[in-house]
């Protein structure tokens, strides 16, 4: 049975929005290391406004 390790990346909204270029760069680097995005956590406040995005990653151990 496969075993996995997990990682959560969290990005906060900045003045000009989310740092999508940085997010893409980091996800591509982690993908080359065997990490796979398996979900997101997008908490909202007030009228559904989001102030951060968390990305859940996993990779096989061993």
PDB file of N, CA and C in Angstrom:
ATOM      1  N   UNK A   1       0.840  -1.177   0.000  1.00  0.00           N
ATOM      2  CA  UNK A   1       0.000   0.000   0.000  1.00  0.00           C
ATOM      3  C   UNK A   1       0.888   1.244   0.000  1.00  0.00           C
ATOM      4  N   UNK A   2       0.592   2.174  -0.876  1.00  0.00           N
ATOM      5  CA  UNK A   2       1.392   3.392  -0.994  1.00  0.00           C
ATOM      6  C   UNK A   2       1.226   4.273   0.239  1.00  0.00           C
ATOM      7  N   UNK A   3       2.305   4.930   0.617  1.00  0.00           N
ATOM      8  CA  UNK A   3       2.271   5.892   1.712  1.00  0.00           C
ATOM      9  C   UNK A   3       2.615   7.258   1.141  1.00  0.00           C
ATOM     10  N   UNK A   4       2.005   8.286   1.711  1.00  0.00           N
ATOM     11  CA  UNK A   4       2.177   9.638   1.197  1.00  0.00           C
ATOM     12  C   UNK A   4       2.623  10.581   2.301  1.00  0.00           C
ATOM     13  N   UNK A   5       3.295  11.647   1.870  1.00  0.00           N
ATOM     14  CA  UNK A   5       3.535  12.781   2.752  1.00  0.00           C
ATOM     15  C   UNK A   5       2.799  13.960   2.138  1.00  0.00           C
ATOM     16  N   UNK A   6       2.448  14.922   2.969  1.00  0.00           N
ATOM     17  CA  UNK A   6       1.639  16.055   2.522  1.00  0.00           C
ATOM     18  C   UNK A   6       2.309  17.372   2.857  1.00  0.00           C
ATOM     19  N   UNK A   7       1.942  18.375   2.098  1.00  0.00           N
ATOM     20  CA  UNK A   7       2.467  19.728   2.282  1.00  0.00           C
ATOM     21  C   UNK A   7       1.322  20.683   1.984  1.00  0.00           C
ATOM     22  N   UNK A   8       1.257  21.787   2.724  1.00  0.00           N
ATOM     23  CA  UNK A   8       0.257  22.821   2.461  1.00  0.00           C
ATOM     24  C   UNK A   8       0.979  24.140   2.214  1.00  0.00           C
ATOM     25  N   UNK A   9       0.714  24.729   1.059  1.00  0.00           N
ATOM     26  CA  UNK A   9       1.252  26.049   0.712  1.00  0.00           C
ATOM     27  C   UNK A   9       0.141  27.067   0.904  1.00  0.00           C
ATOM     28  N   UNK A  10       0.447  28.190   1.535  1.00  0.00           N
ATOM     29  CA  UNK A  10      -0.556  29.228   1.746  1.00  0.00           C
ATOM     30  C   UNK A  10      -0.066  30.541   1.156  1.00  0.00           C
ATOM     31  N   UNK A  11      -0.935  31.181   0.389  1.00  0.00           N
ATOM     32  CA  UNK A  11      -0.626  32.458  -0.245  1.00  0.00           C
ATOM     33  C   UNK A  11      -1.669  33.479   0.193  1.00  0.00           C
ATOM     34  N   UNK A  12      -1.198  34.627   0.646  1.00  0.00           N
ATOM     35  CA  UNK A  12      -2.103  35.698   1.059  1.00  0.00           C
ATOM     36  C   UNK A  12      -2.286  36.695  -0.071  1.00  0.00           C
ATOM     37  N   UNK A  13      -3.473  37.293  -0.105  1.00  0.00           N
ATOM     38  CA  UNK A  13      -3.752  38.303  -1.103  1.00  0.00           C
ATOM     39  C   UNK A  13      -2.920  39.538  -0.776  1.00  0.00           C
ATOM     40  N   UNK A  14      -2.300  40.079  -1.791  1.00  0.00           N
ATOM     41  CA  UNK A  14      -1.518  41.305  -1.666  1.00  0.00           C
ATOM     42  C   UNK A  14      -2.327  42.462  -2.233  1.00  0.00           C
ATOM     43  N   UNK A  15      -1.729  43.613  -2.259  1.00  0.00           N
ATOM     44  CA  UNK A  15      -2.390  44.818  -2.759  1.00  0.00           C
ATOM     45  C   UNK A  15      -2.943  44.620  -4.170  1.00  0.00           C
ATOM     46  N   UNK A  16      -2.186  43.930  -5.015  1.00  0.00           N
ATOM     47  CA  UNK A  16      -2.609  43.731  -6.413  1.00  0.00           C
ATOM     48  C   UNK A  16      -3.208  42.353  -6.652  1.00  0.00           C
ATOM     49  N   UNK A  17      -3.643  41.663  -5.608  1.00  0.00           N
ATOM     50  CA  UNK A  17      -4.244  40.340  -5.761  1.00  0.00           C
ATOM     51  C   UNK A  17      -3.297  39.243  -5.325  1.00  0.00           C
ATOM     52  N   UNK A  18      -3.580  38.049  -5.759  1.00  0.00           N
ATOM     53  CA  UNK A  18      -2.751  36.902  -5.397  1.00  0.00           C
ATOM     54  C   UNK A  18      -1.502  36.857  -6.275  1.00  0.00           C
ATOM     55  N   UNK A  19      -0.392  36.342  -5.728  1.00  0.00           N
ATOM     56  CA  UNK A  19       0.870  36.274  -6.487  1.00  0.00           C
ATOM     57  C   UNK A  19       0.894  35.053  -7.421  1.00  0.00           C
ATOM     58  N   UNK A  20       0.071  35.098  -8.457  1.00  0.00           N
ATOM     59  CA  UNK A  20      -0.100  33.930  -9.319  1.00  0.00           C
ATOM     60  C   UNK A  20       1.203  33.480  -9.976  1.00  0.00           C
ATOM     61  N   UNK A  21       2.052  34.414 -10.391  1.00  0.00           N
ATOM     62  CA  UNK A  21       3.329  34.029 -11.005  1.00  0.00           C
ATOM     63  C   UNK A  21       4.198  33.276 -10.021  1.00  0.00           C
ATOM     64  N   UNK A  22       4.252  33.751  -8.795  1.00  0.00           N
ATOM     65  CA  UNK A  22       5.027  33.075  -7.745  1.00  0.00           C
ATOM     66  C   UNK A  22       4.433  31.705  -7.453  1.00  0.00           C
ATOM     67  N   UNK A  23       3.111  31.629  -7.385  1.00  0.00           N
ATOM     68  CA  UNK A  23       2.442  30.359  -7.116  1.00  0.00           C
ATOM     69  C   UNK A  23       2.775  29.344  -8.205  1.00  0.00           C
ATOM     70  N   UNK A  24       2.673  29.768  -9.447  1.00  0.00           N
ATOM     71  CA  UNK A  24       2.952  28.867 -10.574  1.00  0.00           C
ATOM     72  C   UNK A  24       4.402  28.391 -10.538  1.00  0.00           C
ATOM     73  N   UNK A  25       5.327  29.306 -10.281  1.00  0.00           N
ATOM     74  CA  UNK A  25       6.744  28.941 -10.224  1.00  0.00           C
ATOM     75  C   UNK A  25       6.990  27.903  -9.131  1.00  0.00           C
ATOM     76  N   UNK A  26       6.452  28.140  -7.929  1.00  0.00           N
ATOM     77  CA  UNK A  26       6.653  27.218  -6.813  1.00  0.00           C
ATOM     78  C   UNK A  26       6.006  25.858  -7.079  1.00  0.00           C
ATOM     79  N   UNK A  27       4.799  25.862  -7.637  1.00  0.00           N
ATOM     80  CA  UNK A  27       4.123  24.599  -7.939  1.00  0.00           C
ATOM     81  C   UNK A  27       4.876  23.802  -8.997  1.00  0.00           C
ATOM     82  N   UNK A  28       5.421  24.471 -10.006  1.00  0.00           N
ATOM     83  CA  UNK A  28       6.205  23.769 -11.027  1.00  0.00           C
ATOM     84  C   UNK A  28       7.472  23.171 -10.422  1.00  0.00           C
ATOM     85  N   UNK A  29       8.142  23.918  -9.550  1.00  0.00           N
ATOM     86  CA  UNK A  29       9.347  23.397  -8.886  1.00  0.00           C
ATOM     87  C   UNK A  29       9.009  22.172  -8.032  1.00  0.00           C
ATOM     88  N   UNK A  30       7.935  22.271  -7.264  1.00  0.00           N
ATOM     89  CA  UNK A  30       7.533  21.151  -6.411  1.00  0.00           C
ATOM     90  C   UNK A  30       7.072  19.962  -7.253  1.00  0.00           C
ATOM     91  N   UNK A  31       6.431  20.218  -8.384  1.00  0.00           N
ATOM     92  CA  UNK A  31       6.027  19.142  -9.289  1.00  0.00           C
ATOM     93  C   UNK A  31       7.224  18.349  -9.788  1.00  0.00           C
ATOM     94  N   UNK A  32       8.324  19.046 -10.067  1.00  0.00           N
ATOM     95  CA  UNK A  32       9.546  18.354 -10.496  1.00  0.00           C
ATOM     96  C   UNK A  32      10.124  17.494  -9.375  1.00  0.00           C
ATOM     97  N   UNK A  33       9.777  17.816  -8.122  1.00  0.00           N
ATOM     98  CA  UNK A  33      10.230  17.034  -6.966  1.00  0.00           C
ATOM     99  C   UNK A  33       9.256  15.908  -6.614  1.00  0.00           C
ATOM    100  N   UNK A  34       8.200  15.753  -7.424  1.00  0.00           N
ATOM    101  CA  UNK A  34       7.257  14.663  -7.207  1.00  0.00           C
ATOM    102  C   UNK A  34       5.987  15.044  -6.467  1.00  0.00           C
ATOM    103  N   UNK A  35       5.831  16.318  -6.116  1.00  0.00           N
ATOM    104  CA  UNK A  35       4.624  16.765  -5.421  1.00  0.00           C
ATOM    105  C   UNK A  35       3.487  16.949  -6.414  1.00  0.00           C
ATOM    106  N   UNK A  36       2.276  16.604  -5.989  1.00  0.00           N
ATOM    107  CA  UNK A  36       1.084  16.725  -6.820  1.00  0.00           C
ATOM    108  C   UNK A  36       0.031  17.499  -6.039  1.00  0.00           C
ATOM    109  N   UNK A  37      -0.582  18.484  -6.680  1.00  0.00           N
ATOM    110  CA  UNK A  37      -1.662  19.248  -6.056  1.00  0.00           C
ATOM    111  C   UNK A  37      -2.912  18.378  -6.002  1.00  0.00           C
ATOM    112  N   UNK A  38      -3.514  18.265  -4.808  1.00  0.00           N
ATOM    113  CA  UNK A  38      -4.697  17.417  -4.670  1.00  0.00           C
ATOM    114  C   UNK A  38      -5.918  18.176  -4.160  1.00  0.00           C
ATOM    115  N   UNK A  39      -5.746  19.459  -3.833  1.00  0.00           N
ATOM    116  CA  UNK A  39      -6.896  20.213  -3.367  1.00  0.00           C
ATOM    117  C   UNK A  39      -6.521  21.623  -2.964  1.00  0.00           C
ATOM    118  N   UNK A  40      -7.541  22.407  -2.691  1.00  0.00           N
ATOM    119  CA  UNK A  40      -7.342  23.776  -2.230  1.00  0.00           C
ATOM    120  C   UNK A  40      -8.232  24.041  -1.024  1.00  0.00           C
ATOM    121  N   UNK A  41      -7.795  24.994  -0.240  1.00  0.00           N
ATOM    122  CA  UNK A  41      -8.589  25.494   0.882  1.00  0.00           C
ATOM    123  C   UNK A  41      -8.687  26.997   0.664  1.00  0.00           C
ATOM    124  N   UNK A  42      -9.912  27.489   0.525  1.00  0.00           N
ATOM    125  CA  UNK A  42     -10.115  28.904   0.239  1.00  0.00           C
ATOM    126  C   UNK A  42     -11.130  29.460   1.238  1.00  0.00           C
ATOM    127  N   UNK A  43     -10.655  29.831   2.438  1.00  0.00           N
ATOM    128  CA  UNK A  43     -11.582  30.366   3.427  1.00  0.00           C
ATOM    129  C   UNK A  43     -12.077  31.746   2.994  1.00  0.00           C
ATOM    130  N   UNK A  44     -13.303  32.042   3.339  1.00  0.00           N
ATOM    131  CA  UNK A  44     -13.855  33.349   2.984  1.00  0.00           C
ATOM    132  C   UNK A  44     -14.302  34.088   4.245  1.00  0.00           C
ATOM    133  N   UNK A  45     -14.296  35.391   4.140  1.00  0.00           N
ATOM    134  CA  UNK A  45     -14.739  36.251   5.231  1.00  0.00           C
ATOM    135  C   UNK A  45     -15.787  37.213   4.696  1.00  0.00           C
ATOM    136  N   UNK A  46     -16.622  37.714   5.566  1.00  0.00           N
ATOM    137  CA  UNK A  46     -17.602  38.705   5.143  1.00  0.00           C
ATOM    138  C   UNK A  46     -18.512  38.191   4.053  1.00  0.00           C
ATOM    139  N   UNK A  47     -18.586  38.923   2.974  1.00  0.00           N
ATOM    140  CA  UNK A  47     -19.457  38.601   1.844  1.00  0.00           C
ATOM    141  C   UNK A  47     -18.792  37.650   0.858  1.00  0.00           C
ATOM    142  N   UNK A  48     -18.116  36.642   1.370  1.00  0.00           N
ATOM    143  CA  UNK A  48     -17.481  35.666   0.504  1.00  0.00           C
ATOM    144  C   UNK A  48     -16.128  36.096  -0.022  1.00  0.00           C
ATOM    145  N   UNK A  49     -15.555  37.141   0.555  1.00  0.00           N
ATOM    146  CA  UNK A  49     -14.236  37.591   0.115  1.00  0.00           C
ATOM    147  C   UNK A  49     -13.159  36.653   0.647  1.00  0.00           C
ATOM    148  N   UNK A  50     -12.187  36.404  -0.179  1.00  0.00           N
ATOM    149  CA  UNK A  50     -11.103  35.503   0.175  1.00  0.00           C
ATOM    150  C   UNK A  50      -9.844  36.315   0.417  1.00  0.00           C
ATOM    151  N   UNK A  51      -9.127  36.006   1.489  1.00  0.00           N
ATOM    152  CA  UNK A  51      -7.889  36.715   1.776  1.00  0.00           C
ATOM    153  C   UNK A  51      -6.665  35.812   1.666  1.00  0.00           C
ATOM    154  N   UNK A  52      -6.884  34.510   1.499  1.00  0.00           N
ATOM    155  CA  UNK A  52      -5.766  33.600   1.302  1.00  0.00           C
ATOM    156  C   UNK A  52      -6.226  32.344   0.576  1.00  0.00           C
ATOM    157  N   UNK A  53      -5.255  31.692  -0.056  1.00  0.00           N
ATOM    158  CA  UNK A  53      -5.484  30.422  -0.748  1.00  0.00           C
ATOM    159  C   UNK A  53      -4.455  29.440  -0.216  1.00  0.00           C
ATOM    160  N   UNK A  54      -4.905  28.253   0.159  1.00  0.00           N
ATOM    161  CA  UNK A  54      -3.980  27.188   0.550  1.00  0.00           C
ATOM    162  C   UNK A  54      -4.113  26.059  -0.461  1.00  0.00           C
ATOM    163  N   UNK A  55      -2.972  25.524  -0.861  1.00  0.00           N
ATOM    164  CA  UNK A  55      -2.935  24.432  -1.827  1.00  0.00           C
ATOM    165  C   UNK A  55      -2.376  23.196  -1.125  1.00  0.00           C
ATOM    166  N   UNK A  56      -3.105  22.101  -1.193  1.00  0.00           N
ATOM    167  CA  UNK A  56      -2.705  20.851  -0.553  1.00  0.00           C
ATOM    168  C   UNK A  56      -1.966  20.002  -1.581  1.00  0.00           C
ATOM    169  N   UNK A  57      -0.774  19.529  -1.213  1.00  0.00           N
ATOM    170  CA  UNK A  57       0.061  18.718  -2.084  1.00  0.00           C
ATOM    171  C   UNK A  57       0.356  17.383  -1.437  1.00  0.00           C
ATOM    172  N   UNK A  58       0.626  16.370  -2.247  1.00  0.00           N
ATOM    173  CA  UNK A  58       1.057  15.082  -1.711  1.00  0.00           C
ATOM    174  C   UNK A  58       2.077  14.473  -2.654  1.00  0.00           C
ATOM    175  N   UNK A  59       2.881  13.565  -2.102  1.00  0.00           N
ATOM    176  CA  UNK A  59       3.786  12.755  -2.917  1.00  0.00           C
ATOM    177  C   UNK A  59       4.026  11.434  -2.209  1.00  0.00           C
ATOM    178  N   UNK A  60       4.366  10.454  -3.006  1.00  0.00           N
ATOM    179  CA  UNK A  60       4.624   9.131  -2.482  1.00  0.00           C
ATOM    180  C   UNK A  60       5.926   9.123  -1.684  1.00  0.00           C
ATOM    181  N   UNK A  61       5.894   8.446  -0.542  1.00  0.00           N
ATOM    182  CA  UNK A  61       7.088   8.290   0.293  1.00  0.00           C
ATOM    183  C   UNK A  61       7.798   7.014  -0.123  1.00  0.00           C
ATOM    184  N   UNK A  62       9.100   7.128  -0.310  1.00  0.00           N
ATOM    185  CA  UNK A  62       9.871   5.927  -0.603  1.00  0.00           C
ATOM    186  C   UNK A  62      10.281   5.736  -1.969  1.00  0.00           C
TER     187      UNK A  62
END
